[in-house]
N, C-alpha and C. Protein backbone atom coordinates (compact mmCIF):
# COMPACT_ATOMS: atom_id res chain seq x y z
N MET A 1 0.86 -1.02 0.01
CA MET A 1 -0.02 0.08 -0.27
C MET A 1 0.96 1.01 0.14
N PRO A 2 0.67 2.29 -0.85
CA PRO A 2 1.32 3.23 -0.92
C PRO A 2 1.35 4.00 0.35
N PHE A 3 2.41 5.42 0.65
CA PHE A 3 2.00 5.91 1.80
C PHE A 3 1.61 7.26 1.07
N ARG A 4 0.87 7.82 2.00
CA ARG A 4 0.59 9.32 1.58
C ARG A 4 0.63 10.27 2.55
N PHE A 5 0.70 11.66 1.98
CA PHE A 5 0.83 12.62 3.31
C PHE A 5 0.04 13.38 2.55
N ARG A 6 -0.42 14.29 3.36
CA ARG A 6 -0.91 15.70 3.12
C ARG A 6 -1.42 16.48 4.20
N LYS A 7 -0.89 17.65 4.41
CA LYS A 7 -1.51 18.67 5.67
C LYS A 7 -1.57 19.85 5.16
N SER A 8 -2.79 20.51 5.69
CA SER A 8 -3.08 22.04 5.13
C SER A 8 -2.93 22.84 6.41
N PHE A 9 -2.25 24.08 6.17
CA PHE A 9 -2.60 24.96 6.95
C PHE A 9 -3.15 26.44 6.80
N LYS A 10 -4.04 26.81 8.02
CA LYS A 10 -4.43 28.12 7.56
C LYS A 10 -3.71 29.48 7.41
N ILE A 11 -2.89 30.01 6.78
CA ILE A 11 -1.97 31.21 7.24
C ILE A 11 -2.84 32.49 7.39
N ALA A 12 -3.81 32.75 6.81
CA ALA A 12 -4.70 34.07 6.99
C ALA A 12 -6.12 33.69 6.19
N PRO A 13 -7.44 34.45 6.65
CA PRO A 13 -8.38 34.17 6.07
C PRO A 13 -8.47 34.10 4.51
N GLY A 14 -8.73 32.99 3.74
CA GLY A 14 -8.70 32.72 2.18
C GLY A 14 -7.34 32.23 1.94
N ILE A 15 -6.62 32.20 2.70
CA ILE A 15 -5.22 31.72 2.24
C ILE A 15 -4.56 30.32 3.05
N ARG A 16 -4.26 29.36 2.16
CA ARG A 16 -3.87 28.21 2.68
C ARG A 16 -3.00 27.76 2.33
N LEU A 17 -1.73 26.95 3.19
CA LEU A 17 -0.69 26.29 2.76
C LEU A 17 -0.93 24.65 2.56
N ASN A 18 -0.82 24.20 1.58
CA ASN A 18 -1.08 22.72 1.36
C ASN A 18 0.49 22.20 1.47
N VAL A 19 0.50 20.86 2.36
CA VAL A 19 2.23 20.38 2.09
C VAL A 19 1.87 18.76 1.84
N GLY A 20 2.33 18.13 0.86
CA GLY A 20 2.39 16.82 0.28
C GLY A 20 3.40 16.17 0.38
N LYS A 21 3.23 14.91 0.05
CA LYS A 21 4.74 14.31 0.30
C LYS A 21 5.85 14.41 -0.60
N ARG A 22 5.74 14.87 -1.83
CA ARG A 22 6.46 15.23 -2.88
C ARG A 22 6.56 16.60 -3.30
N SER A 23 5.33 17.85 -2.90
CA SER A 23 5.36 19.18 -3.04
C SER A 23 4.54 19.66 -2.38
N GLY A 24 4.30 21.08 -2.36
CA GLY A 24 3.56 22.11 -1.96
C GLY A 24 2.63 22.89 -2.62
N SER A 25 2.00 23.64 -1.99
CA SER A 25 1.27 24.78 -2.95
C SER A 25 0.67 25.61 -2.00
N VAL A 26 0.22 26.71 -2.50
CA VAL A 26 -0.72 27.77 -1.70
C VAL A 26 -1.82 27.86 -2.31
N SER A 27 -2.74 27.96 -1.84
CA SER A 27 -4.35 28.43 -2.40
C SER A 27 -4.98 29.55 -1.96
N VAL A 28 -5.61 30.30 -2.75
CA VAL A 28 -6.00 31.73 -2.42
C VAL A 28 -7.57 31.64 -2.72
N GLY A 29 -8.51 31.91 -1.89
CA GLY A 29 -10.14 32.10 -2.16
C GLY A 29 -11.06 31.11 -1.34
N GLY A 30 -11.87 31.03 -1.68
CA GLY A 30 -12.82 30.16 -0.57
C GLY A 30 -13.20 28.81 -1.27
N ARG A 31 -14.68 28.71 -0.97
CA ARG A 31 -15.21 27.66 -1.32
C ARG A 31 -15.52 27.62 -2.69
N ARG A 32 -16.24 28.75 -3.18
CA ARG A 32 -16.73 29.07 -4.34
C ARG A 32 -15.57 29.28 -5.63
N MET A 33 -14.49 29.90 -5.27
CA MET A 33 -13.67 30.20 -6.34
C MET A 33 -12.23 30.32 -5.72
N ARG A 34 -11.27 29.42 -6.58
CA ARG A 34 -10.05 29.00 -5.80
C ARG A 34 -8.74 29.13 -6.68
N VAL A 35 -7.77 29.72 -6.38
CA VAL A 35 -6.45 29.42 -7.21
C VAL A 35 -5.56 29.14 -6.64
N THR A 36 -4.88 27.87 -6.94
CA THR A 36 -3.87 27.08 -6.24
C THR A 36 -2.55 27.12 -7.09
N GLN A 37 -1.31 27.47 -6.64
CA GLN A 37 -0.32 27.64 -7.14
C GLN A 37 0.61 26.44 -6.53
N SER A 38 1.05 25.61 -7.00
CA SER A 38 2.13 24.47 -6.56
C SER A 38 3.34 24.59 -6.91
N THR A 39 4.40 23.89 -5.95
CA THR A 39 5.74 24.16 -6.23
C THR A 39 6.05 23.38 -7.60
N ARG A 40 5.68 23.00 -8.13
CA ARG A 40 5.87 22.07 -9.31
C ARG A 40 5.40 22.99 -10.49
N GLY A 41 4.82 23.99 -10.34
CA GLY A 41 4.67 24.84 -11.55
C GLY A 41 3.11 24.85 -12.00
N ARG A 42 2.50 24.16 -11.30
CA ARG A 42 1.01 23.98 -12.02
C ARG A 42 -0.15 25.01 -11.27
N ARG A 43 -0.65 25.91 -12.10
CA ARG A 43 -1.71 26.54 -11.47
C ARG A 43 -3.29 26.07 -11.56
N THR A 44 -3.97 25.99 -10.81
CA THR A 44 -5.24 25.19 -10.81
C THR A 44 -6.16 26.34 -10.44
N THR A 45 -7.32 26.92 -11.04
CA THR A 45 -8.34 27.52 -11.07
C THR A 45 -9.41 26.85 -11.27
N SER A 46 -10.29 26.92 -9.94
CA SER A 46 -11.71 26.22 -9.82
C SER A 46 -12.40 27.07 -9.18
N VAL A 47 -13.79 26.53 -10.02
CA VAL A 47 -14.91 27.52 -10.00
C VAL A 47 -16.10 26.77 -9.47
N SER A 48 -17.05 26.99 -8.46
CA SER A 48 -17.85 25.84 -8.45
C SER A 48 -19.62 26.53 -8.72
N GLY A 49 -20.34 25.80 -9.10
CA GLY A 49 -21.62 26.37 -9.66
C GLY A 49 -22.45 26.67 -8.49
N PRO A 50 -23.76 26.98 -8.90
CA PRO A 50 -25.03 27.28 -7.86
C PRO A 50 -24.73 25.93 -6.55
N ARG A 51 -25.15 26.28 -5.68
CA ARG A 51 -25.07 25.24 -4.78
C ARG A 51 -25.99 24.02 -4.73
N GLY A 52 -25.70 23.14 -4.57
CA GLY A 52 -26.55 21.90 -4.74
C GLY A 52 -26.54 21.24 -6.30
N SER A 53 -26.03 22.04 -7.00
CA SER A 53 -26.03 21.48 -8.30
C SER A 53 -25.37 20.28 -8.83
N GLY A 54 -23.59 20.63 -8.18
CA GLY A 54 -23.07 19.81 -8.58
C GLY A 54 -22.14 20.14 -9.53
N MET A 55 -22.40 21.24 -10.01
CA MET A 55 -21.62 21.76 -11.43
C MET A 55 -20.17 22.56 -10.82
N GLY A 56 -19.35 22.70 -11.48
CA GLY A 56 -18.29 23.45 -11.48
C GLY A 56 -17.38 23.64 -12.42
N TYR A 57 -16.35 24.23 -12.64
CA TYR A 57 -15.38 24.02 -13.69
C TYR A 57 -13.88 24.33 -12.88
N SER A 58 -12.97 23.66 -13.59
CA SER A 58 -11.80 23.76 -13.13
C SER A 58 -10.63 23.73 -14.19
N THR A 59 -9.83 24.50 -14.22
CA THR A 59 -8.31 24.49 -15.09
C THR A 59 -7.17 24.41 -14.53
N THR A 60 -6.35 23.67 -15.37
CA THR A 60 -4.89 23.61 -14.82
C THR A 60 -3.94 23.89 -15.99
N ARG A 61 -3.20 24.69 -15.50
CA ARG A 61 -2.04 25.33 -16.47
C ARG A 61 -0.57 24.79 -16.04
N ARG A 62 0.52 24.66 -16.65
CA ARG A 62 2.02 24.53 -16.05
C ARG A 62 2.47 25.91 -16.77
N ILE A 63 3.07 26.54 -15.48
CA ILE A 63 3.49 27.91 -15.94
C ILE A 63 5.00 28.07 -15.55
N GLY A 64 5.64 26.93 -14.77
CA GLY A 64 6.93 27.31 -14.69
C GLY A 64 6.86 26.99 -13.27
N CYS A 65 8.30 26.42 -12.72
CA CYS A 65 8.40 25.93 -11.53
C CYS A 65 8.79 27.13 -10.57
N LEU A 66 8.03 27.14 -9.19
CA LEU A 66 7.98 28.23 -8.35
C LEU A 66 8.63 27.59 -7.15
N ALA A 67 9.53 26.51 -7.26
CA ALA A 67 9.71 25.63 -6.01
C ALA A 67 10.80 26.74 -5.16
N VAL A 68 11.79 27.29 -5.55
CA VAL A 68 12.42 27.98 -4.52
C VAL A 68 11.52 28.97 -3.54
N PRO A 69 10.81 30.01 -4.37
CA PRO A 69 9.84 31.14 -3.69
C PRO A 69 9.02 30.32 -2.81
N LEU A 70 8.39 29.41 -3.24
CA LEU A 70 7.26 28.68 -2.48
C LEU A 70 7.76 27.68 -1.41
N CYS A 71 9.03 27.15 -1.54
CA CYS A 71 9.59 26.39 -0.36
C CYS A 71 10.01 27.62 0.63
N ALA A 72 10.76 28.54 0.29
CA ALA A 72 10.62 29.73 1.57
C ALA A 72 9.61 29.88 2.25
N LEU A 73 8.26 30.34 1.48
CA LEU A 73 7.11 30.61 2.01
C LEU A 73 6.67 29.32 2.97
N LEU A 74 6.77 28.41 2.45
CA LEU A 74 6.42 27.17 3.35
C LEU A 74 7.32 26.83 4.82
N VAL A 75 8.38 27.13 4.27
CA VAL A 75 9.28 26.89 5.82
C VAL A 75 8.96 28.30 6.55
N VAL A 76 8.82 29.30 6.26
CA VAL A 76 8.18 30.36 7.06
C VAL A 76 7.06 29.93 7.79
N ALA A 77 5.81 29.54 6.88
CA ALA A 77 4.85 29.40 7.44
C ALA A 77 4.60 28.41 8.63
N ILE A 78 5.50 27.18 8.35
CA ILE A 78 5.63 26.07 9.04
C ILE A 78 5.99 26.69 10.55
N ALA A 79 7.21 27.87 10.51
CA ALA A 79 7.98 27.91 11.75
C ALA A 79 7.10 29.12 12.53
N GLN A 80 6.04 29.72 11.92
CA GLN A 80 5.21 30.18 12.42
C GLN A 80 4.13 29.80 13.07
N HIS A 81 3.66 28.71 12.14
CA HIS A 81 2.51 27.61 13.04
C HIS A 81 2.81 27.02 14.14
N ARG A 82 4.03 26.45 14.12
CA ARG A 82 4.88 25.83 15.28
C ARG A 82 5.14 26.68 16.63
N ALA A 83 5.33 27.86 16.08
CA ALA A 83 5.80 29.07 17.27
C ALA A 83 4.17 29.38 18.01
N ARG A 84 3.11 29.43 17.15
CA ARG A 84 1.94 29.77 17.77
C ARG A 84 1.33 28.43 18.46
N ASN A 85 1.60 27.11 18.30
CA ASN A 85 1.39 26.01 18.61
C ASN A 85 1.86 26.00 20.01
N ARG A 86 2.90 26.37 20.31
CA ARG A 86 4.01 26.26 21.66
C ARG A 86 3.54 27.37 22.65
N ARG A 87 2.80 28.28 22.29
CA ARG A 87 2.10 29.45 23.38
C ARG A 87 1.03 28.53 24.48
């Protein structure tokens, strides 16, 4: 059975930092509309339709690797999260 890992941290209202086994990402937006940028250079935009309809739209584009800036953001966010939990 393959090992999976995923953890999500809320940085600020509407901004989430997602950490997986092989990459990380930053998501901006809420339930209805969201933009996610991954360290592997993928940008996903998703929009949900009317509530209860089950409809939605999602696109994924490869825009170039942002591994260094996103990893730096990831390290800072995890350090802040740990510092908050120690108090």
